[in-house]
């Protein structure tokens, strides 16, 4: 059974930092494309950052220069380092595991975690 378990969400003041983690069990992590998505109240889920199985990254324009996505294949773990957080970053952040890489269809599988809440106060 596949599980993606996110952690690291918290309440933080504007300008602060958080690091989210996502542990993947049940898939062959190293071959997955992995991503972070977020959903704010009343809004659609949006892509935040993606990393291919080969390590290429793609970040949303709104987070470039502030967020970094990384993966540790030895630990089956995906990270999102978030710096200079802003109130507009407040959302539930979801981990995504996909095969094959983003942009290649059809997806053989596409899994989601339960999400972790990030709240940024002004």
C-alpha atoms as a PDB file:
ATOM      1  CA  UNK A   1       0.000   0.000   0.000  1.00  0.00           C
ATOM      2  CA  UNK A   2       1.374   3.380  -1.021  1.00  0.00           C
ATOM      3  CA  UNK A   3       1.664   6.078   1.612  1.00  0.00           C
ATOM      4  CA  UNK A   4       2.936   9.617   1.308  1.00  0.00           C
ATOM      5  CA  UNK A   5       3.259  11.221   4.728  1.00  0.00           C
ATOM      6  CA  UNK A   6       3.938  14.931   4.942  1.00  0.00           C
ATOM      7  CA  UNK A   7       5.256  16.741   7.989  1.00  0.00           C
ATOM      8  CA  UNK A   8       6.727  20.092   8.937  1.00  0.00           C
ATOM      9  CA  UNK A   9       3.744  22.362   8.553  1.00  0.00           C
ATOM     10  CA  UNK A  10       3.324  24.991  11.234  1.00  0.00           C
ATOM     11  CA  UNK A  11       2.284  28.528  12.101  1.00  0.00           C
ATOM     12  CA  UNK A  12       5.077  30.967  11.307  1.00  0.00           C
ATOM     13  CA  UNK A  13       5.456  34.721  11.044  1.00  0.00           C
ATOM     14  CA  UNK A  14       6.005  36.441   7.736  1.00  0.00           C
ATOM     15  CA  UNK A  15       9.673  36.309   6.774  1.00  0.00           C
ATOM     16  CA  UNK A  16      10.189  33.015   8.561  1.00  0.00           C
ATOM     17  CA  UNK A  17      11.213  29.620   7.245  1.00  0.00           C
ATOM     18  CA  UNK A  18       9.876  26.077   7.290  1.00  0.00           C
ATOM     19  CA  UNK A  19      11.024  22.771   5.856  1.00  0.00           C
ATOM     20  CA  UNK A  20       8.413  20.288   4.755  1.00  0.00           C
ATOM     21  CA  UNK A  21       9.166  16.596   4.425  1.00  0.00           C
ATOM     22  CA  UNK A  22       7.345  13.802   2.636  1.00  0.00           C
ATOM     23  CA  UNK A  23       8.207  10.174   3.265  1.00  0.00           C
ATOM     24  CA  UNK A  24       7.203   7.795   0.490  1.00  0.00           C
ATOM     25  CA  UNK A  25       6.516   4.172   1.234  1.00  0.00           C
ATOM     26  CA  UNK A  26       5.156   1.610  -1.178  1.00  0.00           C
ATOM     27  CA  UNK A  27       6.653   2.901  -4.418  1.00  0.00           C
ATOM     28  CA  UNK A  28      10.116   2.787  -5.904  1.00  0.00           C
ATOM     29  CA  UNK A  29      10.905   6.321  -4.818  1.00  0.00           C
ATOM     30  CA  UNK A  30      13.973   6.808  -6.977  1.00  0.00           C
ATOM     31  CA  UNK A  31      12.046   6.410 -10.240  1.00  0.00           C
ATOM     32  CA  UNK A  32       9.244   8.777  -9.250  1.00  0.00           C
ATOM     33  CA  UNK A  33       8.726  12.328 -10.233  1.00  0.00           C
ATOM     34  CA  UNK A  34       7.826  14.120  -7.009  1.00  0.00           C
ATOM     35  CA  UNK A  35       6.089  17.378  -6.376  1.00  0.00           C
ATOM     36  CA  UNK A  36       4.650  19.781  -3.865  1.00  0.00           C
ATOM     37  CA  UNK A  37       1.259  21.344  -4.455  1.00  0.00           C
ATOM     38  CA  UNK A  38      -0.810  23.629  -2.263  1.00  0.00           C
ATOM     39  CA  UNK A  39      -4.416  24.587  -1.823  1.00  0.00           C
ATOM     40  CA  UNK A  40      -5.566  27.716  -0.055  1.00  0.00           C
ATOM     41  CA  UNK A  41      -9.142  28.084   1.214  1.00  0.00           C
ATOM     42  CA  UNK A  42     -11.531  28.759  -1.650  1.00  0.00           C
ATOM     43  CA  UNK A  43      -8.839  28.243  -4.288  1.00  0.00           C
ATOM     44  CA  UNK A  44      -7.812  25.450  -6.604  1.00  0.00           C
ATOM     45  CA  UNK A  45      -4.825  23.269  -5.897  1.00  0.00           C
ATOM     46  CA  UNK A  46      -1.720  24.689  -7.563  1.00  0.00           C
ATOM     47  CA  UNK A  47       1.743  23.430  -8.339  1.00  0.00           C
ATOM     48  CA  UNK A  48       4.484  24.762  -6.087  1.00  0.00           C
ATOM     49  CA  UNK A  49       7.533  22.712  -7.069  1.00  0.00           C
ATOM     50  CA  UNK A  50       8.385  19.566  -8.989  1.00  0.00           C
ATOM     51  CA  UNK A  51      11.484  17.405  -9.215  1.00  0.00           C
ATOM     52  CA  UNK A  52      12.036  14.716 -11.805  1.00  0.00           C
ATOM     53  CA  UNK A  53      13.475  11.295 -11.079  1.00  0.00           C
ATOM     54  CA  UNK A  54      16.720  12.658 -12.512  1.00  0.00           C
ATOM     55  CA  UNK A  55      16.738  15.721 -10.266  1.00  0.00           C
ATOM     56  CA  UNK A  56      15.558  18.452 -12.626  1.00  0.00           C
ATOM     57  CA  UNK A  57      13.404  21.003 -10.838  1.00  0.00           C
ATOM     58  CA  UNK A  58      10.534  23.258 -11.761  1.00  0.00           C
ATOM     59  CA  UNK A  59       9.201  25.950  -9.429  1.00  0.00           C
ATOM     60  CA  UNK A  60       6.178  28.181  -9.646  1.00  0.00           C
ATOM     61  CA  UNK A  61       7.068  31.778 -10.401  1.00  0.00           C
ATOM     62  CA  UNK A  62       5.543  32.896  -7.104  1.00  0.00           C
ATOM     63  CA  UNK A  63       8.064  30.896  -5.072  1.00  0.00           C
ATOM     64  CA  UNK A  64      11.217  31.171  -7.168  1.00  0.00           C
ATOM     65  CA  UNK A  65      14.080  32.506  -5.123  1.00  0.00           C
ATOM     66  CA  UNK A  66      12.344  31.585  -1.865  1.00  0.00           C
ATOM     67  CA  UNK A  67      11.553  27.852  -2.034  1.00  0.00           C
ATOM     68  CA  UNK A  68      13.807  24.917  -2.864  1.00  0.00           C
ATOM     69  CA  UNK A  69      12.749  21.360  -3.637  1.00  0.00           C
ATOM     70  CA  UNK A  70      15.088  18.453  -3.013  1.00  0.00           C
ATOM     71  CA  UNK A  71      14.954  14.680  -2.741  1.00  0.00           C
ATOM     72  CA  UNK A  72      16.939  12.075  -0.852  1.00  0.00           C
ATOM     73  CA  UNK A  73      16.512   8.771  -2.641  1.00  0.00           C
ATOM     74  CA  UNK A  74      18.346   6.892   0.116  1.00  0.00           C
ATOM     75  CA  UNK A  75      15.702   8.029   2.615  1.00  0.00           C
ATOM     76  CA  UNK A  76      12.699   7.921   0.250  1.00  0.00           C
ATOM     77  CA  UNK A  77      12.076  11.513   1.292  1.00  0.00           C
ATOM     78  CA  UNK A  78      11.098  14.682  -0.513  1.00  0.00           C
ATOM     79  CA  UNK A  79      11.753  18.126   0.968  1.00  0.00           C
ATOM     80  CA  UNK A  80      10.526  21.637   0.457  1.00  0.00           C
ATOM     81  CA  UNK A  81      12.631  24.367   2.036  1.00  0.00           C
ATOM     82  CA  UNK A  82      10.552  27.511   2.319  1.00  0.00           C
ATOM     83  CA  UNK A  83      12.229  30.805   3.157  1.00  0.00           C
ATOM     84  CA  UNK A  84      10.911  34.356   3.388  1.00  0.00           C
ATOM     85  CA  UNK A  85       7.398  33.078   3.847  1.00  0.00           C
ATOM     86  CA  UNK A  86       4.497  35.398   3.086  1.00  0.00           C
ATOM     87  CA  UNK A  87       0.851  35.329   4.189  1.00  0.00           C
ATOM     88  CA  UNK A  88      -0.103  34.363   0.623  1.00  0.00           C
ATOM     89  CA  UNK A  89       1.821  31.108   1.141  1.00  0.00           C
ATOM     90  CA  UNK A  90      -0.785  30.011   3.675  1.00  0.00           C
ATOM     91  CA  UNK A  91      -2.286  26.742   2.434  1.00  0.00           C
ATOM     92  CA  UNK A  92      -2.409  23.009   2.870  1.00  0.00           C
ATOM     93  CA  UNK A  93       0.669  21.571   1.183  1.00  0.00           C
ATOM     94  CA  UNK A  94       0.403  18.195  -0.530  1.00  0.00           C
ATOM     95  CA  UNK A  95       3.086  15.775  -1.635  1.00  0.00           C
ATOM     96  CA  UNK A  96       2.685  14.072  -5.006  1.00  0.00           C
ATOM     97  CA  UNK A  97       4.379  10.994  -6.418  1.00  0.00           C
ATOM     98  CA  UNK A  98       4.036  10.249 -10.088  1.00  0.00           C
ATOM     99  CA  UNK A  99       5.340   7.955 -12.765  1.00  0.00           C
ATOM    100  CA  UNK A 100       6.472   8.804 -15.354  1.00  0.00           C
ATOM    101  CA  UNK A 101       7.854  12.360 -15.108  1.00  0.00           C
ATOM    102  CA  UNK A 102       5.562  15.371 -15.229  1.00  0.00           C
ATOM    103  CA  UNK A 103       4.512  16.180 -18.747  1.00  0.00           C
ATOM    104  CA  UNK A 104       4.571  12.562 -19.874  1.00  0.00           C
ATOM    105  CA  UNK A 105       1.199  10.913 -20.325  1.00  0.00           C
ATOM    106  CA  UNK A 106      -0.478   8.734 -19.434  1.00  0.00           C
ATOM    107  CA  UNK A 107       0.451   8.469 -15.786  1.00  0.00           C
ATOM    108  CA  UNK A 108       1.101   4.916 -14.676  1.00  0.00           C
ATOM    109  CA  UNK A 109       0.357   6.089 -11.157  1.00  0.00           C
ATOM    110  CA  UNK A 110      -0.244   9.394  -9.390  1.00  0.00           C
ATOM    111  CA  UNK A 111      -0.420   9.419  -5.593  1.00  0.00           C
ATOM    112  CA  UNK A 112      -1.164  12.162  -3.063  1.00  0.00           C
ATOM    113  CA  UNK A 113      -0.466  12.620   0.602  1.00  0.00           C
ATOM    114  CA  UNK A 114      -2.962  13.892   3.142  1.00  0.00           C
ATOM    115  CA  UNK A 115      -1.408  17.330   3.374  1.00  0.00           C
ATOM    116  CA  UNK A 116       0.227  19.496   5.999  1.00  0.00           C
ATOM    117  CA  UNK A 117      -1.000  22.944   7.024  1.00  0.00           C
ATOM    118  CA  UNK A 118       1.245  25.963   6.618  1.00  0.00           C
ATOM    119  CA  UNK A 119      -0.024  29.213   8.093  1.00  0.00           C
ATOM    120  CA  UNK A 120       1.910  32.453   7.728  1.00  0.00           C
ATOM    121  CA  UNK A 121       0.863  35.364   9.907  1.00  0.00           C
ATOM    122  CA  UNK A 122       1.504  38.978   9.002  1.00  0.00           C
END
